[in-house]
């Protein structure tokens, strides 16, 4: 496993940026530029990562290919294709997006998100993206979410089988699929279950914590690793069975101090359980 997270350093000096990533304990990074980057920037970034032994984890798309507005939907698909091309150009493990949503909020919960028609549309869209780019190094993937496909390891496997393309990979966020108290309390077994089902396809992972608050009806809140109630030791044990070099990324923290604290916590925990991150 290779730990990654946000690098709090400008990319104006790429060498200092890479040193900051290594000093933070990271061995996996995301490109600090987007699809509008030029060939020189892309090539220099790849050389920098090779020199500092940093795995390029993912290129994030983060838009809504399911948007009800066909113009917005088309633009979202175009960006997804451009992001996959960027990922393939720089050798990232994957380009990752969410499937989207059928309502006005790009990542919002709507009943139609979980309909069979939406499932079939996601299959068609992913196939379209892969046909357009024809990647040779990087997979396209969808981050797991609580209220749109893939919302469970089983539905992810169903998507993989329906899309039926070796360049569609799985992106695993276990916390995003913990959507009930039962799964929350059984999270150690659930982590292993997710990895067991999706292991051959997993290209990247997001690592977080979660807390179930004692307020009706149900409040499941994301937390900095170590501040929640999940068995992150069990999660790391399950993730340690993935191929060497698999990027495990910390996310959704606003302050460098939180990333530092989270990085130290998960690295020490991984060491204690006998599944250390690559240093």
C-alpha atoms as a PDB file:
ATOM      1  CA  UNK A   1       0.000   0.000   0.000  1.00  0.00           C
ATOM      2  CA  UNK A   2       1.122   3.540  -0.748  1.00  0.00           C
ATOM      3  CA  UNK A   3      -0.360   6.371   1.314  1.00  0.00           C
ATOM      4  CA  UNK A   4      -1.259   9.668  -0.342  1.00  0.00           C
ATOM      5  CA  UNK A   5      -3.000  12.918   0.442  1.00  0.00           C
ATOM      6  CA  UNK A   6      -3.126  16.602  -0.330  1.00  0.00           C
ATOM      7  CA  UNK A   7       0.224  18.332  -0.770  1.00  0.00           C
ATOM      8  CA  UNK A   8       0.166  21.803   0.792  1.00  0.00           C
ATOM      9  CA  UNK A   9       2.790  23.311  -1.461  1.00  0.00           C
ATOM     10  CA  UNK A  10       2.677  25.251  -4.708  1.00  0.00           C
ATOM     11  CA  UNK A  11       3.677  23.407  -7.867  1.00  0.00           C
ATOM     12  CA  UNK A  12       5.534  26.513  -9.050  1.00  0.00           C
ATOM     13  CA  UNK A  13       8.688  24.733  -7.908  1.00  0.00           C
ATOM     14  CA  UNK A  14       8.037  21.055  -8.800  1.00  0.00           C
ATOM     15  CA  UNK A  15      11.077  19.784  -6.892  1.00  0.00           C
ATOM     16  CA  UNK A  16       9.939  21.421  -3.657  1.00  0.00           C
ATOM     17  CA  UNK A  17       6.433  20.053  -4.277  1.00  0.00           C
ATOM     18  CA  UNK A  18       7.763  16.491  -4.550  1.00  0.00           C
ATOM     19  CA  UNK A  19       9.911  16.917  -1.448  1.00  0.00           C
ATOM     20  CA  UNK A  20       6.856  18.201   0.447  1.00  0.00           C
ATOM     21  CA  UNK A  21       4.939  15.086  -0.607  1.00  0.00           C
ATOM     22  CA  UNK A  22       7.691  12.786   0.618  1.00  0.00           C
ATOM     23  CA  UNK A  23       8.112  14.778   3.849  1.00  0.00           C
ATOM     24  CA  UNK A  24       4.380  14.303   4.494  1.00  0.00           C
ATOM     25  CA  UNK A  25       4.928  10.545   4.322  1.00  0.00           C
ATOM     26  CA  UNK A  26       3.220  10.162   0.950  1.00  0.00           C
ATOM     27  CA  UNK A  27       4.239   7.687  -1.709  1.00  0.00           C
ATOM     28  CA  UNK A  28       1.190   8.337  -3.903  1.00  0.00           C
ATOM     29  CA  UNK A  29       0.098  11.675  -5.369  1.00  0.00           C
ATOM     30  CA  UNK A  30      -2.462  13.224  -7.675  1.00  0.00           C
ATOM     31  CA  UNK A  31      -1.396  15.594 -10.463  1.00  0.00           C
ATOM     32  CA  UNK A  32      -1.592  19.246  -9.321  1.00  0.00           C
ATOM     33  CA  UNK A  33      -2.869  20.328 -12.742  1.00  0.00           C
ATOM     34  CA  UNK A  34      -5.835  19.594 -14.967  1.00  0.00           C
ATOM     35  CA  UNK A  35      -6.762  18.681 -18.507  1.00  0.00           C
ATOM     36  CA  UNK A  36      -5.656  22.076 -19.823  1.00  0.00           C
ATOM     37  CA  UNK A  37      -2.025  21.248 -18.983  1.00  0.00           C
ATOM     38  CA  UNK A  38       0.522  21.129 -21.789  1.00  0.00           C
ATOM     39  CA  UNK A  39       2.730  18.238 -22.846  1.00  0.00           C
ATOM     40  CA  UNK A  40       5.832  19.741 -21.206  1.00  0.00           C
ATOM     41  CA  UNK A  41       4.081  19.961 -17.819  1.00  0.00           C
ATOM     42  CA  UNK A  42       2.819  16.404 -18.093  1.00  0.00           C
ATOM     43  CA  UNK A  43       6.184  14.988 -19.093  1.00  0.00           C
ATOM     44  CA  UNK A  44       8.081  16.877 -16.380  1.00  0.00           C
ATOM     45  CA  UNK A  45       5.580  15.673 -13.759  1.00  0.00           C
ATOM     46  CA  UNK A  46       6.047  12.041 -14.786  1.00  0.00           C
ATOM     47  CA  UNK A  47       9.830  12.451 -14.605  1.00  0.00           C
ATOM     48  CA  UNK A  48       9.507  14.073 -11.177  1.00  0.00           C
ATOM     49  CA  UNK A  49       7.380  11.206  -9.833  1.00  0.00           C
ATOM     50  CA  UNK A  50       9.784   8.632 -11.237  1.00  0.00           C
ATOM     51  CA  UNK A  51      12.748  10.365  -9.641  1.00  0.00           C
ATOM     52  CA  UNK A  52      11.080  10.563  -6.219  1.00  0.00           C
ATOM     53  CA  UNK A  53       9.374   7.146  -6.451  1.00  0.00           C
ATOM     54  CA  UNK A  54       5.840   8.548  -6.258  1.00  0.00           C
ATOM     55  CA  UNK A  55       2.914   6.587  -7.706  1.00  0.00           C
ATOM     56  CA  UNK A  56       0.462   8.741  -9.673  1.00  0.00           C
ATOM     57  CA  UNK A  57      -2.804   7.675  -8.094  1.00  0.00           C
ATOM     58  CA  UNK A  58      -5.704   9.233  -9.973  1.00  0.00           C
ATOM     59  CA  UNK A  59      -7.054  12.045 -12.103  1.00  0.00           C
ATOM     60  CA  UNK A  60     -10.326  13.315 -10.674  1.00  0.00           C
ATOM     61  CA  UNK A  61     -13.199  14.229 -12.987  1.00  0.00           C
ATOM     62  CA  UNK A  62     -15.826  15.255 -10.401  1.00  0.00           C
ATOM     63  CA  UNK A  63     -18.815  16.295 -12.460  1.00  0.00           C
ATOM     64  CA  UNK A  64     -22.272  14.973 -13.342  1.00  0.00           C
ATOM     65  CA  UNK A  65     -22.632  12.792 -16.447  1.00  0.00           C
ATOM     66  CA  UNK A  66     -26.235  12.090 -15.387  1.00  0.00           C
ATOM     67  CA  UNK A  67     -27.281  15.764 -15.317  1.00  0.00           C
ATOM     68  CA  UNK A  68     -30.872  16.252 -16.544  1.00  0.00           C
ATOM     69  CA  UNK A  69     -29.682  19.033 -18.864  1.00  0.00           C
ATOM     70  CA  UNK A  70     -28.367  17.366 -22.040  1.00  0.00           C
ATOM     71  CA  UNK A  71     -25.879  20.202 -22.665  1.00  0.00           C
ATOM     72  CA  UNK A  72     -24.396  19.853 -19.189  1.00  0.00           C
ATOM     73  CA  UNK A  73     -24.412  16.077 -19.535  1.00  0.00           C
ATOM     74  CA  UNK A  74     -22.526  16.225 -22.821  1.00  0.00           C
ATOM     75  CA  UNK A  75     -19.921  18.599 -21.385  1.00  0.00           C
ATOM     76  CA  UNK A  76     -19.483  16.304 -18.376  1.00  0.00           C
ATOM     77  CA  UNK A  77     -18.800  13.331 -20.644  1.00  0.00           C
ATOM     78  CA  UNK A  78     -16.321  15.375 -22.676  1.00  0.00           C
ATOM     79  CA  UNK A  79     -14.430  16.267 -19.509  1.00  0.00           C
ATOM     80  CA  UNK A  80     -14.449  12.628 -18.372  1.00  0.00           C
ATOM     81  CA  UNK A  81     -12.862  11.648 -21.677  1.00  0.00           C
ATOM     82  CA  UNK A  82     -10.247  14.404 -21.353  1.00  0.00           C
ATOM     83  CA  UNK A  83      -9.440  13.313 -17.788  1.00  0.00           C
ATOM     84  CA  UNK A  84      -9.024   9.703 -18.834  1.00  0.00           C
ATOM     85  CA  UNK A  85      -6.720  10.843 -21.635  1.00  0.00           C
ATOM     86  CA  UNK A  86      -4.695  12.858 -19.113  1.00  0.00           C
ATOM     87  CA  UNK A  87      -4.517   9.853 -16.787  1.00  0.00           C
ATOM     88  CA  UNK A  88      -3.333   7.647 -19.622  1.00  0.00           C
ATOM     89  CA  UNK A  89      -0.756  10.233 -20.750  1.00  0.00           C
ATOM     90  CA  UNK A  90       0.864  10.444 -17.317  1.00  0.00           C
ATOM     91  CA  UNK A  91       0.384   6.816 -16.284  1.00  0.00           C
ATOM     92  CA  UNK A  92      -2.045   7.385 -13.412  1.00  0.00           C
ATOM     93  CA  UNK A  93      -3.697   4.274 -12.006  1.00  0.00           C
ATOM     94  CA  UNK A  94      -7.103   5.599 -13.005  1.00  0.00           C
ATOM     95  CA  UNK A  95      -9.344   8.503 -13.876  1.00  0.00           C
ATOM     96  CA  UNK A  96     -12.149   8.618 -11.339  1.00  0.00           C
ATOM     97  CA  UNK A  97     -15.567  10.224 -11.218  1.00  0.00           C
ATOM     98  CA  UNK A  98     -18.830   9.511  -9.473  1.00  0.00           C
ATOM     99  CA  UNK A  99     -21.630   8.215 -11.684  1.00  0.00           C
ATOM    100  CA  UNK A 100     -23.452  11.502 -11.025  1.00  0.00           C
ATOM    101  CA  UNK A 101     -27.029  12.232 -10.068  1.00  0.00           C
ATOM    102  CA  UNK A 102     -30.357  12.638 -11.818  1.00  0.00           C
ATOM    103  CA  UNK A 103     -31.247  15.875  -9.978  1.00  0.00           C
ATOM    104  CA  UNK A 104     -29.940  19.434  -9.673  1.00  0.00           C
ATOM    105  CA  UNK A 105     -27.139  18.656  -7.193  1.00  0.00           C
ATOM    106  CA  UNK A 106     -24.277  16.878  -8.955  1.00  0.00           C
ATOM    107  CA  UNK A 107     -23.774  14.381  -6.105  1.00  0.00           C
ATOM    108  CA  UNK A 108     -27.205  14.517  -4.519  1.00  0.00           C
ATOM    109  CA  UNK A 109     -29.631  11.759  -3.453  1.00  0.00           C
ATOM    110  CA  UNK A 110     -32.546  11.239  -5.837  1.00  0.00           C
ATOM    111  CA  UNK A 111     -34.849   8.260  -6.267  1.00  0.00           C
ATOM    112  CA  UNK A 112     -34.041   7.861  -9.959  1.00  0.00           C
ATOM    113  CA  UNK A 113     -30.335   7.481  -9.146  1.00  0.00           C
ATOM    114  CA  UNK A 114     -30.981   3.867  -8.199  1.00  0.00           C
ATOM    115  CA  UNK A 115     -33.325   2.944 -11.036  1.00  0.00           C
ATOM    116  CA  UNK A 116     -32.584   0.323 -13.642  1.00  0.00           C
ATOM    117  CA  UNK A 117     -32.681   2.971 -16.364  1.00  0.00           C
ATOM    118  CA  UNK A 118     -29.924   4.890 -14.584  1.00  0.00           C
ATOM    119  CA  UNK A 119     -27.843   1.747 -14.187  1.00  0.00           C
ATOM    120  CA  UNK A 120     -28.149   1.076 -17.926  1.00  0.00           C
ATOM    121  CA  UNK A 121     -27.277   4.705 -18.756  1.00  0.00           C
ATOM    122  CA  UNK A 122     -24.129   4.507 -16.595  1.00  0.00           C
ATOM    123  CA  UNK A 123     -23.087   1.386 -18.506  1.00  0.00           C
ATOM    124  CA  UNK A 124     -23.608   3.173 -21.843  1.00  0.00           C
ATOM    125  CA  UNK A 125     -21.710   6.274 -20.713  1.00  0.00           C
ATOM    126  CA  UNK A 126     -18.693   4.386 -19.411  1.00  0.00           C
ATOM    127  CA  UNK A 127     -18.517   2.387 -22.618  1.00  0.00           C
ATOM    128  CA  UNK A 128     -18.675   5.641 -24.606  1.00  0.00           C
ATOM    129  CA  UNK A 129     -15.821   7.153 -22.578  1.00  0.00           C
ATOM    130  CA  UNK A 130     -13.641   4.081 -23.049  1.00  0.00           C
ATOM    131  CA  UNK A 131     -14.392   3.821 -26.773  1.00  0.00           C
ATOM    132  CA  UNK A 132     -13.477   7.474 -27.289  1.00  0.00           C
ATOM    133  CA  UNK A 133     -10.152   7.356 -25.426  1.00  0.00           C
ATOM    134  CA  UNK A 134      -8.996   3.763 -25.925  1.00  0.00           C
ATOM    135  CA  UNK A 135      -6.617   3.890 -22.930  1.00  0.00           C
ATOM    136  CA  UNK A 136      -3.542   1.695 -22.817  1.00  0.00           C
ATOM    137  CA  UNK A 137      -2.312   2.370 -19.262  1.00  0.00           C
ATOM    138  CA  UNK A 138      -5.064   3.865 -17.105  1.00  0.00           C
ATOM    139  CA  UNK A 139      -8.521   2.624 -16.191  1.00  0.00           C
ATOM    140  CA  UNK A 140     -11.690   4.635 -15.942  1.00  0.00           C
ATOM    141  CA  UNK A 141     -13.420   4.111 -12.595  1.00  0.00           C
ATOM    142  CA  UNK A 142     -16.398   5.232 -10.528  1.00  0.00           C
ATOM    143  CA  UNK A 143     -16.100   6.085  -6.863  1.00  0.00           C
ATOM    144  CA  UNK A 144     -18.540   4.205  -4.667  1.00  0.00           C
ATOM    145  CA  UNK A 145     -21.346   6.387  -3.275  1.00  0.00           C
ATOM    146  CA  UNK A 146     -24.254   5.842  -0.853  1.00  0.00           C
ATOM    147  CA  UNK A 147     -27.079   6.857  -3.205  1.00  0.00           C
ATOM    148  CA  UNK A 148     -26.046   6.181  -6.777  1.00  0.00           C
ATOM    149  CA  UNK A 149     -24.518   3.148  -8.457  1.00  0.00           C
ATOM    150  CA  UNK A 150     -22.167   1.643  -7.461  1.00  0.00           C
ATOM    151  CA  UNK A 151     -23.538   1.880  -3.910  1.00  0.00           C
ATOM    152  CA  UNK A 152     -22.478  -1.620  -2.829  1.00  0.00           C
ATOM    153  CA  UNK A 153     -19.746  -4.084  -3.774  1.00  0.00           C
ATOM    154  CA  UNK A 154     -22.402  -6.251  -5.392  1.00  0.00           C
ATOM    155  CA  UNK A 155     -23.700  -3.472  -7.647  1.00  0.00           C
ATOM    156  CA  UNK A 156     -20.107  -2.555  -8.526  1.00  0.00           C
ATOM    157  CA  UNK A 157     -19.465  -6.109  -9.632  1.00  0.00           C
ATOM    158  CA  UNK A 158     -22.687  -6.007 -11.657  1.00  0.00           C
ATOM    159  CA  UNK A 159     -21.487  -2.799 -13.354  1.00  0.00           C
ATOM    160  CA  UNK A 160     -18.089  -4.333 -14.112  1.00  0.00           C
ATOM    161  CA  UNK A 161     -19.729  -7.351 -15.681  1.00  0.00           C
ATOM    162  CA  UNK A 162     -22.220  -5.245 -17.663  1.00  0.00           C
ATOM    163  CA  UNK A 163     -19.597  -2.799 -18.994  1.00  0.00           C
ATOM    164  CA  UNK A 164     -17.366  -5.748 -19.843  1.00  0.00           C
ATOM    165  CA  UNK A 165     -14.206  -3.782 -20.634  1.00  0.00           C
ATOM    166  CA  UNK A 166     -10.777  -4.488 -19.096  1.00  0.00           C
ATOM    167  CA  UNK A 167     -10.126  -0.733 -18.861  1.00  0.00           C
ATOM    168  CA  UNK A 168     -12.986  -0.186 -16.436  1.00  0.00           C
ATOM    169  CA  UNK A 169     -11.628  -0.554 -12.907  1.00  0.00           C
ATOM    170  CA  UNK A 170     -12.992  -0.217  -9.399  1.00  0.00           C
ATOM    171  CA  UNK A 171     -12.362   2.730  -7.116  1.00  0.00           C
ATOM    172  CA  UNK A 172     -13.059   1.807  -3.515  1.00  0.00           C
ATOM    173  CA  UNK A 173     -14.388   4.144  -0.838  1.00  0.00           C
ATOM    174  CA  UNK A 174     -15.667   1.818   1.870  1.00  0.00           C
ATOM    175  CA  UNK A 175     -16.955   4.647   4.057  1.00  0.00           C
ATOM    176  CA  UNK A 176     -19.177   5.957   1.258  1.00  0.00           C
ATOM    177  CA  UNK A 177     -21.014   2.630   1.250  1.00  0.00           C
ATOM    178  CA  UNK A 178     -21.637   2.525   5.018  1.00  0.00           C
ATOM    179  CA  UNK A 179     -25.218   3.755   4.945  1.00  0.00           C
ATOM    180  CA  UNK A 180     -26.887   2.081   7.924  1.00  0.00           C
ATOM    181  CA  UNK A 181     -26.152   1.354  11.583  1.00  0.00           C
ATOM    182  CA  UNK A 182     -25.968  -2.365  10.820  1.00  0.00           C
ATOM    183  CA  UNK A 183     -23.157  -1.884   8.285  1.00  0.00           C
ATOM    184  CA  UNK A 184     -21.522   0.672  10.597  1.00  0.00           C
ATOM    185  CA  UNK A 185     -21.322  -1.786  13.490  1.00  0.00           C
ATOM    186  CA  UNK A 186     -20.251  -4.610  11.173  1.00  0.00           C
ATOM    187  CA  UNK A 187     -17.714  -2.400   9.411  1.00  0.00           C
ATOM    188  CA  UNK A 188     -14.745  -4.730   9.954  1.00  0.00           C
ATOM    189  CA  UNK A 189     -16.488  -7.572   8.159  1.00  0.00           C
ATOM    190  CA  UNK A 190     -17.850  -5.162   5.555  1.00  0.00           C
ATOM    191  CA  UNK A 191     -14.353  -3.899   4.709  1.00  0.00           C
ATOM    192  CA  UNK A 192     -13.162  -7.431   4.084  1.00  0.00           C
ATOM    193  CA  UNK A 193     -16.314  -8.213   2.095  1.00  0.00           C
ATOM    194  CA  UNK A 194     -15.731  -5.223  -0.215  1.00  0.00           C
ATOM    195  CA  UNK A 195     -12.132  -6.197  -0.890  1.00  0.00           C
ATOM    196  CA  UNK A 196     -12.985  -9.869  -1.375  1.00  0.00           C
ATOM    197  CA  UNK A 197     -15.565  -9.068  -4.060  1.00  0.00           C
ATOM    198  CA  UNK A 198     -13.688  -6.304  -5.905  1.00  0.00           C
ATOM    199  CA  UNK A 199     -10.001  -7.192  -5.366  1.00  0.00           C
ATOM    200  CA  UNK A 200      -9.126  -8.001  -9.029  1.00  0.00           C
ATOM    201  CA  UNK A 201     -10.406  -4.627 -10.246  1.00  0.00           C
ATOM    202  CA  UNK A 202      -9.424  -2.155  -7.491  1.00  0.00           C
ATOM    203  CA  UNK A 203      -7.172   0.604  -8.810  1.00  0.00           C
ATOM    204  CA  UNK A 204      -7.388   3.126  -5.980  1.00  0.00           C
ATOM    205  CA  UNK A 205      -8.847   3.652  -2.513  1.00  0.00           C
ATOM    206  CA  UNK A 206     -10.047   6.603  -0.433  1.00  0.00           C
ATOM    207  CA  UNK A 207      -9.506   6.264   3.324  1.00  0.00           C
ATOM    208  CA  UNK A 208     -11.698   8.020   5.886  1.00  0.00           C
ATOM    209  CA  UNK A 209     -13.370   7.463   9.241  1.00  0.00           C
ATOM    210  CA  UNK A 210     -17.007   7.757  10.281  1.00  0.00           C
ATOM    211  CA  UNK A 211     -19.002   8.388  13.440  1.00  0.00           C
ATOM    212  CA  UNK A 212     -22.565   7.313  14.219  1.00  0.00           C
ATOM    213  CA  UNK A 213     -24.092  10.066  16.365  1.00  0.00           C
ATOM    214  CA  UNK A 214     -26.856   9.274  18.908  1.00  0.00           C
ATOM    215  CA  UNK A 215     -29.468  11.509  17.280  1.00  0.00           C
ATOM    216  CA  UNK A 216     -32.647  10.431  15.533  1.00  0.00           C
ATOM    217  CA  UNK A 217     -33.151   9.427  12.930  1.00  0.00           C
ATOM    218  CA  UNK A 218     -29.677   8.360  11.727  1.00  0.00           C
ATOM    219  CA  UNK A 219     -26.600  10.592  11.489  1.00  0.00           C
ATOM    220  CA  UNK A 220     -23.462   9.070   9.973  1.00  0.00           C
ATOM    221  CA  UNK A 221     -20.750  11.716   9.790  1.00  0.00           C
ATOM    222  CA  UNK A 222     -17.397  11.571   8.056  1.00  0.00           C
ATOM    223  CA  UNK A 223     -14.423  12.052  10.360  1.00  0.00           C
ATOM    224  CA  UNK A 224     -10.649  12.398  10.204  1.00  0.00           C
ATOM    225  CA  UNK A 225      -9.082   8.929  10.539  1.00  0.00           C
ATOM    226  CA  UNK A 226      -8.806   8.170  14.236  1.00  0.00           C
ATOM    227  CA  UNK A 227     -11.701  10.450  15.243  1.00  0.00           C
ATOM    228  CA  UNK A 228     -14.519   8.076  14.309  1.00  0.00           C
ATOM    229  CA  UNK A 229     -15.844   4.694  15.306  1.00  0.00           C
ATOM    230  CA  UNK A 230     -14.670   2.488  12.454  1.00  0.00           C
ATOM    231  CA  UNK A 231     -12.223  -0.358  12.845  1.00  0.00           C
ATOM    232  CA  UNK A 232      -9.578   1.140  10.574  1.00  0.00           C
ATOM    233  CA  UNK A 233      -7.180  -1.616  11.572  1.00  0.00           C
ATOM    234  CA  UNK A 234      -9.508  -4.157  10.000  1.00  0.00           C
ATOM    235  CA  UNK A 235      -9.940  -1.918   6.969  1.00  0.00           C
ATOM    236  CA  UNK A 236      -6.172  -1.628   6.500  1.00  0.00           C
ATOM    237  CA  UNK A 237      -5.774  -5.367   7.000  1.00  0.00           C
ATOM    238  CA  UNK A 238      -8.224  -5.992   4.170  1.00  0.00           C
ATOM    239  CA  UNK A 239      -6.607  -3.361   1.948  1.00  0.00           C
ATOM    240  CA  UNK A 240      -3.148  -4.804   2.571  1.00  0.00           C
ATOM    241  CA  UNK A 241      -4.137  -7.830   0.454  1.00  0.00           C
ATOM    242  CA  UNK A 242      -4.333  -5.626  -2.654  1.00  0.00           C
ATOM    243  CA  UNK A 243      -1.392  -5.616  -5.086  1.00  0.00           C
ATOM    244  CA  UNK A 244       1.750  -3.808  -3.889  1.00  0.00           C
ATOM    245  CA  UNK A 245       1.749  -0.127  -4.729  1.00  0.00           C
ATOM    246  CA  UNK A 246      -2.036   0.319  -4.575  1.00  0.00           C
ATOM    247  CA  UNK A 247      -2.644   3.993  -3.673  1.00  0.00           C
ATOM    248  CA  UNK A 248      -4.624   4.683  -0.488  1.00  0.00           C
ATOM    249  CA  UNK A 249      -5.572   8.366  -0.373  1.00  0.00           C
ATOM    250  CA  UNK A 250      -6.616  10.511   2.581  1.00  0.00           C
ATOM    251  CA  UNK A 251      -9.212  13.115   1.617  1.00  0.00           C
ATOM    252  CA  UNK A 252     -11.793  15.731   2.609  1.00  0.00           C
ATOM    253  CA  UNK A 253      -9.729  17.588   5.189  1.00  0.00           C
ATOM    254  CA  UNK A 254      -9.293  21.349   5.029  1.00  0.00           C
ATOM    255  CA  UNK A 255      -6.163  21.879   7.099  1.00  0.00           C
ATOM    256  CA  UNK A 256      -2.624  20.623   6.680  1.00  0.00           C
ATOM    257  CA  UNK A 257      -2.538  19.782  10.398  1.00  0.00           C
ATOM    258  CA  UNK A 258      -5.453  17.355   9.952  1.00  0.00           C
ATOM    259  CA  UNK A 259      -3.692  15.611   7.066  1.00  0.00           C
ATOM    260  CA  UNK A 260      -0.519  15.374   9.127  1.00  0.00           C
ATOM    261  CA  UNK A 261      -2.391  13.926  12.101  1.00  0.00           C
ATOM    262  CA  UNK A 262      -4.340  11.487   9.905  1.00  0.00           C
ATOM    263  CA  UNK A 263      -1.202  10.384   8.074  1.00  0.00           C
ATOM    264  CA  UNK A 264       0.659   9.717  11.303  1.00  0.00           C
ATOM    265  CA  UNK A 265      -2.306   7.843  12.766  1.00  0.00           C
ATOM    266  CA  UNK A 266      -2.891   5.476   9.850  1.00  0.00           C
ATOM    267  CA  UNK A 267       0.819   4.831   9.282  1.00  0.00           C
ATOM    268  CA  UNK A 268       1.333   3.923  12.945  1.00  0.00           C
ATOM    269  CA  UNK A 269      -1.814   1.788  12.927  1.00  0.00           C
ATOM    270  CA  UNK A 270      -0.695  -0.041   9.793  1.00  0.00           C
ATOM    271  CA  UNK A 271       2.675  -0.700  11.420  1.00  0.00           C
ATOM    272  CA  UNK A 272       1.026  -2.109  14.563  1.00  0.00           C
ATOM    273  CA  UNK A 273      -1.182  -4.546  12.657  1.00  0.00           C
ATOM    274  CA  UNK A 274       1.738  -5.775  10.568  1.00  0.00           C
ATOM    275  CA  UNK A 275       0.586  -4.245   7.275  1.00  0.00           C
ATOM    276  CA  UNK A 276       2.800  -1.176   6.956  1.00  0.00           C
ATOM    277  CA  UNK A 277       2.605   1.314   4.134  1.00  0.00           C
ATOM    278  CA  UNK A 278       5.554   1.456   1.746  1.00  0.00           C
ATOM    279  CA  UNK A 279       8.070   4.059   2.913  1.00  0.00           C
END
